[in-house]
PDB file of N, CA and C in Angstrom:
ATOM      1  N   MET A   1     141.929 108.211  54.333  1.00  0.00           N
ATOM      2  CA  MET A   1     141.026 107.030  53.754  1.00  0.00           C
ATOM      3  C   MET A   1     141.290 107.194  52.536  1.00  0.00           C
ATOM      4  N   ALA A   2     141.136 105.462  52.561  1.00  0.00           N
ATOM      5  CA  ALA A   2     141.466 104.832  51.583  1.00  0.00           C
ATOM      6  C   ALA A   2     140.583 104.814  50.402  1.00  0.00           C
ATOM      7  N   ILE A   3     139.769 104.676  50.421  1.00  0.00           N
ATOM      8  CA  ILE A   3     138.595 104.074  49.800  1.00  0.00           C
ATOM      9  C   ILE A   3     137.515 105.695  49.791  1.00  0.00           C
ATOM     10  N   GLU A   4     137.197 106.371  48.682  1.00  0.00           N
ATOM     11  CA  GLU A   4     136.021 107.342  48.847  1.00  0.00           C
ATOM     12  C   GLU A   4     135.127 107.201  48.267  1.00  0.00           C
ATOM     13  N   ARG A   5     134.050 106.811  48.861  1.00  0.00           N
ATOM     14  CA  ARG A   5     132.891 106.490  48.204  1.00  0.00           C
ATOM     15  C   ARG A   5     131.943 107.725  48.077  1.00  0.00           C
ATOM     16  N   GLU A   6     131.136 108.023  46.969  1.00  0.00           N
ATOM     17  CA  GLU A   6     129.940 109.267  46.953  1.00  0.00           C
ATOM     18  C   GLU A   6     128.757 108.008  47.276  1.00  0.00           C
ATOM     19  N   ILE A   7     128.202 108.621  48.303  1.00  0.00           N
ATOM     20  CA  ILE A   7     126.901 108.129  48.762  1.00  0.00           C
ATOM     21  C   ILE A   7     125.937 108.950  49.278  1.00  0.00           C
ATOM     22  N   ALA A   8     124.800 109.326  48.465  1.00  0.00           N
ATOM     23  CA  ALA A   8     124.060 110.578  48.607  1.00  0.00           C
ATOM     24  C   ALA A   8     124.603 111.598  47.954  1.00  0.00           C
ATOM     25  N   GLY A   9     125.329 111.531  47.179  1.00  0.00           N
ATOM     26  CA  GLY A   9     125.740 112.890  46.749  1.00  0.00           C
ATOM     27  C   GLY A   9     126.872 113.378  47.134  1.00  0.00           C
ATOM     28  N   MET A  10     127.461 112.820  48.623  1.00  0.00           N
ATOM     29  CA  MET A  10     128.277 113.295  48.944  1.00  0.00           C
ATOM     30  C   MET A  10     129.790 112.784  49.261  1.00  0.00           C
ATOM     31  N   ARG A  11     130.933 112.592  48.852  1.00  0.00           N
ATOM     32  CA  ARG A  11     131.738 112.149  49.347  1.00  0.00           C
ATOM     33  C   ARG A  11     132.445 111.545  50.326  1.00  0.00           C
ATOM     34  N   CYS A  12     132.897 110.515  51.173  1.00  0.00           N
ATOM     35  CA  CYS A  12     133.260 110.393  52.473  1.00  0.00           C
ATOM     36  C   CYS A  12     134.324 111.765  52.675  1.00  0.00           C
ATOM     37  N   GLY A  13     135.324 112.041  52.208  1.00  0.00           N
ATOM     38  CA  GLY A  13     135.929 113.393  52.735  1.00  0.00           C
ATOM     39  C   GLY A  13     134.931 114.495  53.040  1.00  0.00           C
ATOM     40  N   GLU A  14     134.121 114.591  51.957  1.00  0.00           N
ATOM     41  CA  GLU A  14     133.321 116.138  52.184  1.00  0.00           C
ATOM     42  C   GLU A  14     132.421 115.498  53.455  1.00  0.00           C
ATOM     43  N   VAL A  15     132.240 114.667  53.994  1.00  0.00           N
ATOM     44  CA  VAL A  15     131.092 113.994  54.861  1.00  0.00           C
ATOM     45  C   VAL A  15     131.801 114.398  56.161  1.00  0.00           C
ATOM     46  N   LEU A  16     133.438 113.877  56.088  1.00  0.00           N
ATOM     47  CA  LEU A  16     134.265 113.799  57.172  1.00  0.00           C
ATOM     48  C   LEU A  16     134.420 115.447  57.580  1.00  0.00           C
ATOM     49  N   ALA A  17     134.720 116.261  56.382  1.00  0.00           N
ATOM     50  CA  ALA A  17     135.221 117.963  56.691  1.00  0.00           C
ATOM     51  C   ALA A  17     134.329 118.346  57.637  1.00  0.00           C
ATOM     52  N   GLU A  18     132.551 118.152  57.101  1.00  0.00           N
ATOM     53  CA  GLU A  18     131.482 118.763  57.594  1.00  0.00           C
ATOM     54  C   GLU A  18     131.033 117.921  59.091  1.00  0.00           C
ATOM     55  N   LEU A  19     131.849 116.975  59.460  1.00  0.00           N
ATOM     56  CA  LEU A  19     131.309 116.604  60.747  1.00  0.00           C
ATOM     57  C   LEU A  19     130.953 117.191  61.973  1.00  0.00           C
ATOM     58  N   SER A  20     131.904 118.098  62.055  1.00  0.00           N
ATOM     59  CA  SER A  20     131.606 118.751  63.214  1.00  0.00           C
ATOM     60  C   SER A  20     130.376 119.899  63.133  1.00  0.00           C
ATOM     61  N   ASP A  21     130.695 120.544  62.298  1.00  0.00           N
ATOM     62  CA  ASP A  21     129.480 121.498  62.105  1.00  0.00           C
ATOM     63  C   ASP A  21     128.090 120.951  62.067  1.00  0.00           C
ATOM     64  N   TYR A  22     128.118 119.724  61.157  1.00  0.00           N
ATOM     65  CA  TYR A  22     126.790 118.602  61.214  1.00  0.00           C
ATOM     66  C   TYR A  22     126.390 118.146  63.043  1.00  0.00           C
ATOM     67  N   LEU A  23     127.755 118.042  63.677  1.00  0.00           N
ATOM     68  CA  LEU A  23     127.226 117.889  65.186  1.00  0.00           C
ATOM     69  C   LEU A  23     127.002 118.909  65.907  1.00  0.00           C
ATOM     70  N   ASP A  24     127.390 119.683  65.553  1.00  0.00           N
ATOM     71  CA  ASP A  24     127.088 121.319  66.150  1.00  0.00           C
ATOM     72  C   ASP A  24     125.909 122.126  65.816  1.00  0.00           C
ATOM     73  N   GLY A  25     125.333 121.246  64.330  1.00  0.00           N
ATOM     74  CA  GLY A  25     123.729 121.821  64.082  1.00  0.00           C
ATOM     75  C   GLY A  25     124.173 123.076  63.408  1.00  0.00           C
ATOM     76  N   ASP A  26     125.061 123.376  62.723  1.00  0.00           N
ATOM     77  CA  ASP A  26     125.550 124.262  62.200  1.00  0.00           C
ATOM     78  C   ASP A  26     125.124 124.018  60.434  1.00  0.00           C
ATOM     79  N   LEU A  27     124.647 122.954  59.976  1.00  0.00           N
ATOM     80  CA  LEU A  27     124.093 122.671  58.684  1.00  0.00           C
ATOM     81  C   LEU A  27     123.213 123.247  58.401  1.00  0.00           C
ATOM     82  N   THR A  28     123.114 123.587  57.148  1.00  0.00           N
ATOM     83  CA  THR A  28     121.386 123.641  56.734  1.00  0.00           C
ATOM     84  C   THR A  28     120.854 122.474  56.812  1.00  0.00           C
ATOM     85  N   LYS A  29     119.243 122.430  56.955  1.00  0.00           N
ATOM     86  CA  LYS A  29     118.301 121.084  57.245  1.00  0.00           C
ATOM     87  C   LYS A  29     118.870 120.182  55.997  1.00  0.00           C
ATOM     88  N   ALA A  30     119.141 120.888  54.442  1.00  0.00           N
ATOM     89  CA  ALA A  30     119.090 119.676  53.192  1.00  0.00           C
ATOM     90  C   ALA A  30     120.664 119.291  53.704  1.00  0.00           C
ATOM     91  N   ARG A  31     121.956 119.943  53.902  1.00  0.00           N
ATOM     92  CA  ARG A  31     122.617 119.501  53.837  1.00  0.00           C
ATOM     93  C   ARG A  31     122.939 118.717  55.034  1.00  0.00           C
ATOM     94  N   SER A  32     122.387 118.949  56.377  1.00  0.00           N
ATOM     95  CA  SER A  32     122.322 117.708  57.413  1.00  0.00           C
ATOM     96  C   SER A  32     121.545 116.496  56.858  1.00  0.00           C
ATOM     97  N   ALA A  33     120.877 116.507  55.880  1.00  0.00           N
ATOM     98  CA  ALA A  33     119.969 115.327  55.409  1.00  0.00           C
ATOM     99  C   ALA A  33     120.902 114.695  54.701  1.00  0.00           C
ATOM    100  N   GLN A  34     121.666 115.421  54.196  1.00  0.00           N
ATOM    101  CA  GLN A  34     122.252 115.028  52.916  1.00  0.00           C
ATOM    102  C   GLN A  34     123.697 113.971  53.704  1.00  0.00           C
ATOM    103  N   VAL A  35     124.027 114.661  55.286  1.00  0.00           N
ATOM    104  CA  VAL A  35     125.078 114.172  55.319  1.00  0.00           C
ATOM    105  C   VAL A  35     124.654 112.692  56.526  1.00  0.00           C
ATOM    106  N   GLU A  36     123.216 112.969  57.129  1.00  0.00           N
ATOM    107  CA  GLU A  36     123.010 111.374  57.696  1.00  0.00           C
ATOM    108  C   GLU A  36     122.637 110.620  56.470  1.00  0.00           C
ATOM    109  N   ALA A  37     122.295 110.994  55.439  1.00  0.00           N
ATOM    110  CA  ALA A  37     122.034 110.194  54.280  1.00  0.00           C
ATOM    111  C   ALA A  37     123.273 109.013  53.673  1.00  0.00           C
ATOM    112  N   HIS A  38     124.449 109.998  54.231  1.00  0.00           N
ATOM    113  CA  HIS A  38     125.633 109.601  53.642  1.00  0.00           C
ATOM    114  C   HIS A  38     126.091 108.401  54.794  1.00  0.00           C
ATOM    115  N   LEU A  39     125.934 109.121  55.722  1.00  0.00           N
ATOM    116  CA  LEU A  39     126.109 107.940  56.959  1.00  0.00           C
ATOM    117  C   LEU A  39     125.852 107.133  57.323  1.00  0.00           C
ATOM    118  N   HIS A  40     124.429 107.003  56.817  1.00  0.00           N
ATOM    119  CA  HIS A  40     123.585 105.870  56.468  1.00  0.00           C
ATOM    120  C   HIS A  40     123.482 104.472  55.793  1.00  0.00           C
ATOM    121  N   GLY A  41     124.351 105.189  54.728  1.00  0.00           N
ATOM    122  CA  GLY A  41     124.833 104.400  53.550  1.00  0.00           C
ATOM    123  C   GLY A  41     126.107 103.661  53.814  1.00  0.00           C
ATOM    124  N   CYS A  42     127.224 104.347  54.311  1.00  0.00           N
ATOM    125  CA  CYS A  42     128.717 104.071  54.397  1.00  0.00           C
ATOM    126  C   CYS A  42     129.164 103.893  55.962  1.00  0.00           C
ATOM    127  N   ASP A  43     129.180 102.480  55.711  1.00  0.00           N
ATOM    128  CA  ASP A  43     129.687 102.271  57.327  1.00  0.00           C
ATOM    129  C   ASP A  43     131.051 102.500  57.426  1.00  0.00           C
ATOM    130  N   VAL A  44     132.154 102.879  56.718  1.00  0.00           N
ATOM    131  CA  VAL A  44     132.832 103.569  57.372  1.00  0.00           C
ATOM    132  C   VAL A  44     133.031 104.805  58.068  1.00  0.00           C
ATOM    133  N   CYS A  45     132.241 105.673  57.303  1.00  0.00           N
ATOM    134  CA  CYS A  45     132.152 106.988  57.965  1.00  0.00           C
ATOM    135  C   CYS A  45     131.154 106.778  58.935  1.00  0.00           C
ATOM    136  N   GLU A  46     130.151 106.175  58.922  1.00  0.00           N
ATOM    137  CA  GLU A  46     129.097 105.634  60.035  1.00  0.00           C
ATOM    138  C   GLU A  46     129.941 105.591  61.599  1.00  0.00           C
ATOM    139  N   ARG A  47     130.883 104.491  61.132  1.00  0.00           N
ATOM    140  CA  ARG A  47     131.651 103.945  62.358  1.00  0.00           C
ATOM    141  C   ARG A  47     132.564 105.424  62.814  1.00  0.00           C
ATOM    142  N   PHE A  48     133.361 105.823  61.753  1.00  0.00           N
ATOM    143  CA  PHE A  48     133.974 107.327  62.387  1.00  0.00           C
ATOM    144  C   PHE A  48     133.074 107.945  62.861  1.00  0.00           C
ATOM    145  N   GLY A  49     132.175 108.686  62.347  1.00  0.00           N
ATOM    146  CA  GLY A  49     131.381 109.467  62.769  1.00  0.00           C
ATOM    147  C   GLY A  49     130.511 109.208  64.131  1.00  0.00           C
ATOM    148  N   SER A  50     130.468 108.163  64.344  1.00  0.00           N
ATOM    149  CA  SER A  50     129.796 107.595  65.804  1.00  0.00           C
ATOM    150  C   SER A  50     130.917 107.451  66.960  1.00  0.00           C
ATOM    151  N   ALA A  51     132.186 107.466  66.672  1.00  0.00           N
ATOM    152  CA  ALA A  51     133.400 107.802  67.432  1.00  0.00           C
ATOM    153  C   ALA A  51     133.683 109.327  67.665  1.00  0.00           C
ATOM    154  N   PHE A  52     133.560 109.472  66.661  1.00  0.00           N
ATOM    155  CA  PHE A  52     133.891 110.534  66.937  1.00  0.00           C
ATOM    156  C   PHE A  52     133.040 111.864  67.501  1.00  0.00           C
ATOM    157  N   ALA A  53     131.511 111.465  67.200  1.00  0.00           N
ATOM    158  CA  ALA A  53     130.465 112.032  68.021  1.00  0.00           C
ATOM    159  C   ALA A  53     130.575 111.365  69.548  1.00  0.00           C
ATOM    160  N   SER A  54     130.733 110.359  69.743  1.00  0.00           N
ATOM    161  CA  SER A  54     131.267 110.248  71.270  1.00  0.00           C
ATOM    162  C   SER A  54     132.155 110.788  71.833  1.00  0.00           C
ATOM    163  N   ALA A  55     133.428 111.272  71.312  1.00  0.00           N
ATOM    164  CA  ALA A  55     134.561 111.810  71.858  1.00  0.00           C
ATOM    165  C   ALA A  55     134.285 113.306  72.364  1.00  0.00           C
ATOM    166  N   ILE A  56     133.252 113.632  71.102  1.00  0.00           N
ATOM    167  CA  ILE A  56     132.793 115.374  71.482  1.00  0.00           C
ATOM    168  C   ILE A  56     131.808 114.940  72.671  1.00  0.00           C
ATOM    169  N   GLN A  57     130.951 114.189  72.687  1.00  0.00           N
ATOM    170  CA  GLN A  57     130.036 114.490  73.787  1.00  0.00           C
ATOM    171  C   GLN A  57     130.929 114.400  75.475  1.00  0.00           C
ATOM    172  N   THR A  58     131.697 113.305  75.286  1.00  0.00           N
ATOM    173  CA  THR A  58     132.540 113.061  76.521  1.00  0.00           C
ATOM    174  C   THR A  58     132.808 114.475  76.811  1.00  0.00           C
ATOM    175  N   LEU A  59     133.489 114.837  75.579  1.00  0.00           N
ATOM    176  CA  LEU A  59     134.691 116.252  76.503  1.00  0.00           C
ATOM    177  C   LEU A  59     133.602 117.472  76.752  1.00  0.00           C
ATOM    178  N   ARG A  60     132.525 117.541  76.062  1.00  0.00           N
ATOM    179  CA  ARG A  60     131.430 118.316  76.208  1.00  0.00           C
ATOM    180  C   ARG A  60     131.038 118.236  77.681  1.00  0.00           C
ATOM    181  N   HIS A  61     130.763 116.963  78.368  1.00  0.00           N
ATOM    182  CA  HIS A  61     129.480 116.620  79.046  1.00  0.00           C
ATOM    183  C   HIS A  61     130.879 116.738  80.556  1.00  0.00           C
ATOM    184  N   SER A  62     132.413 116.500  80.303  1.00  0.00           N
ATOM    185  CA  SER A  62     133.534 116.287  81.219  1.00  0.00           C
ATOM    186  C   SER A  62     133.423 117.416  82.389  1.00  0.00           C
ATOM    187  N   GLY A  63     133.169 118.149  82.371  1.00  0.00           N
ATOM    188  CA  GLY A  63     133.022 119.691  82.985  1.00  0.00           C
ATOM    189  C   GLY A  63     134.134 120.264  83.024  1.00  0.00           C
ATOM    190  N   LEU A  64     135.591 119.931  82.119  1.00  0.00           N
ATOM    191  CA  LEU A  64     136.424 120.947  81.764  1.00  0.00           C
ATOM    192  C   LEU A  64     136.327 122.251  81.561  1.00  0.00           C
ATOM    193  N   GLY A  65     134.992 122.842  81.466  1.00  0.00           N
ATOM    194  CA  GLY A  65     134.912 124.020  81.281  1.00  0.00           C
ATOM    195  C   GLY A  65     136.160 124.595  80.145  1.00  0.00           C
ATOM    196  N   PHE A  66     135.632 124.372  78.958  1.00  0.00           N
ATOM    197  CA  PHE A  66     136.860 124.867  78.023  1.00  0.00           C
ATOM    198  C   PHE A  66     136.265 126.113  77.586  1.00  0.00           C
ATOM    199  N   GLY A  67     137.225 126.863  77.653  1.00  0.00           N
ATOM    200  CA  GLY A  67     136.836 128.382  77.219  1.00  0.00           C
ATOM    201  C   GLY A  67     137.258 128.911  76.112  1.00  0.00           C
ATOM    202  N   VAL A  68     136.975 129.864  75.567  1.00  0.00           N
ATOM    203  CA  VAL A  68     137.811 130.548  74.364  1.00  0.00           C
ATOM    204  C   VAL A  68     139.366 130.986  74.713  1.00  0.00           C
ATOM    205  N   ALA A  69     140.094 130.467  73.958  1.00  0.00           N
ATOM    206  CA  ALA A  69     141.291 130.592  73.844  1.00  0.00           C
ATOM    207  C   ALA A  69     141.998 131.635  73.678  1.00  0.00           C
ATOM    208  N   ASP A  70     143.041 132.161  73.596  1.00  0.00           N
ATOM    209  CA  ASP A  70     143.615 133.605  73.272  1.00  0.00           C
ATOM    210  C   ASP A  70     144.242 132.988  72.046  1.00  0.00           C
ATOM    211  N   SER A  71     144.515 134.136  71.378  1.00  0.00           N
ATOM    212  CA  SER A  71     145.067 134.002  70.058  1.00  0.00           C
ATOM    213  C   SER A  71     146.326 133.459  69.973  1.00  0.00           C
ATOM    214  N   THR A  72     147.218 133.797  70.638  1.00  0.00           N
ATOM    215  CA  THR A  72     148.517 132.976  70.881  1.00  0.00           C
ATOM    216  C   THR A  72     148.653 131.798  70.805  1.00  0.00           C
ATOM    217  N   VAL A  73     147.664 130.856  71.400  1.00  0.00           N
ATOM    218  CA  VAL A  73     147.424 129.507  71.620  1.00  0.00           C
ATOM    219  C   VAL A  73     146.782 128.618  69.984  1.00  0.00           C
ATOM    220  N   PHE A  74     146.206 129.599  69.128  1.00  0.00           N
ATOM    221  CA  PHE A  74     145.660 129.073  67.956  1.00  0.00           C
ATOM    222  C   PHE A  74     147.154 129.752  66.947  1.00  0.00           C
ATOM    223  N   GLU A  75     147.809 130.559  67.361  1.00  0.00           N
ATOM    224  CA  GLU A  75     149.311 130.725  66.504  1.00  0.00           C
ATOM    225  C   GLU A  75     149.895 130.011  66.897  1.00  0.00           C
ATOM    226  N   ARG A  76     149.889 129.464  67.620  1.00  0.00           N
ATOM    227  CA  ARG A  76     151.462 128.330  68.205  1.00  0.00           C
ATOM    228  C   ARG A  76     151.109 126.922  67.663  1.00  0.00           C
ATOM    229  N   LEU A  77     149.618 126.676  67.707  1.00  0.00           N
ATOM    230  CA  LEU A  77     149.362 125.383  66.976  1.00  0.00           C
ATOM    231  C   LEU A  77     149.069 125.232  65.642  1.00  0.00           C
ATOM    232  N   HIS A  78     149.141 126.479  65.088  1.00  0.00           N
ATOM    233  CA  HIS A  78     149.380 126.427  63.603  1.00  0.00           C
ATOM    234  C   HIS A  78     150.607 126.441  62.865  1.00  0.00           C
ATOM    235  N   ALA A  79     151.394 127.188  63.944  1.00  0.00           N
ATOM    236  CA  ALA A  79     152.817 127.194  63.171  1.00  0.00           C
ATOM    237  C   ALA A  79     153.207 125.447  63.399  1.00  0.00           C
ATOM    238  N   ARG A  80     152.931 124.989  64.437  1.00  0.00           N
ATOM    239  CA  ARG A  80     153.319 123.407  64.855  1.00  0.00           C
ATOM    240  C   ARG A  80     152.534 122.882  63.304  1.00  0.00           C
ATOM    241  N   LEU A  81     151.303 122.812  63.329  1.00  0.00           N
ATOM    242  CA  LEU A  81     150.535 122.038  62.330  1.00  0.00           C
ATOM    243  C   LEU A  81     151.549 122.258  61.093  1.00  0.00           C
ATOM    244  N   GLY A  82     152.110 123.234  61.261  1.00  0.00           N
ATOM    245  CA  GLY A  82     152.700 123.637  59.510  1.00  0.00           C
ATOM    246  C   GLY A  82     153.858 122.973  59.582  1.00  0.00           C
ATOM    247  N   LYS A  83     154.562 122.744  60.724  1.00  0.00           N
ATOM    248  CA  LYS A  83     156.032 122.184  60.623  1.00  0.00           C
ATOM    249  C   LYS A  83     155.410 120.581  60.276  1.00  0.00           C
ATOM    250  N   ALA A  84     154.847 119.951  61.378  1.00  0.00           N
ATOM    251  CA  ALA A  84     154.400 118.511  61.195  1.00  0.00           C
ATOM    252  C   ALA A  84     153.900 118.256  59.364  1.00  0.00           C
ATOM    253  N   THR A  85     153.120 119.474  58.573  1.00  0.00           N
ATOM    254  CA  THR A  85     153.032 118.689  57.316  1.00  0.00           C
ATOM    255  C   THR A  85     153.696 118.886  56.585  1.00  0.00           C
ATOM    256  N   GLN A  86     155.238 119.837  56.681  1.00  0.00           N
ATOM    257  CA  GLN A  86     156.037 119.897  56.284  1.00  0.00           C
ATOM    258  C   GLN A  86     157.395 118.661  55.997  1.00  0.00           C
ATOM    259  N   GLU A  87     157.260 118.312  57.436  1.00  0.00           N
ATOM    260  CA  GLU A  87     158.423 116.651  57.716  1.00  0.00           C
ATOM    261  C   GLU A  87     158.060 116.127  56.908  1.00  0.00           C
TER     262      GLU A  87
END
């Protein structure tokens, strides 16, 4: 993100890092309120957050039946991500 704004005591990067937990309802009430306040005050994060939430909702309602992946899937993904960041 080109511009890191601080709104409601949170920087854009913090909000984006916690967006998944926010959507899952895994944040405390206070932290959730802080994320919401930032989203209401930051048009960039609000647009991204809306698109992200829409994508997550579509996946959840798609009926694809995502289950728990075995550990080898995570190991392969982690290895590929590590290679991608080194290139």
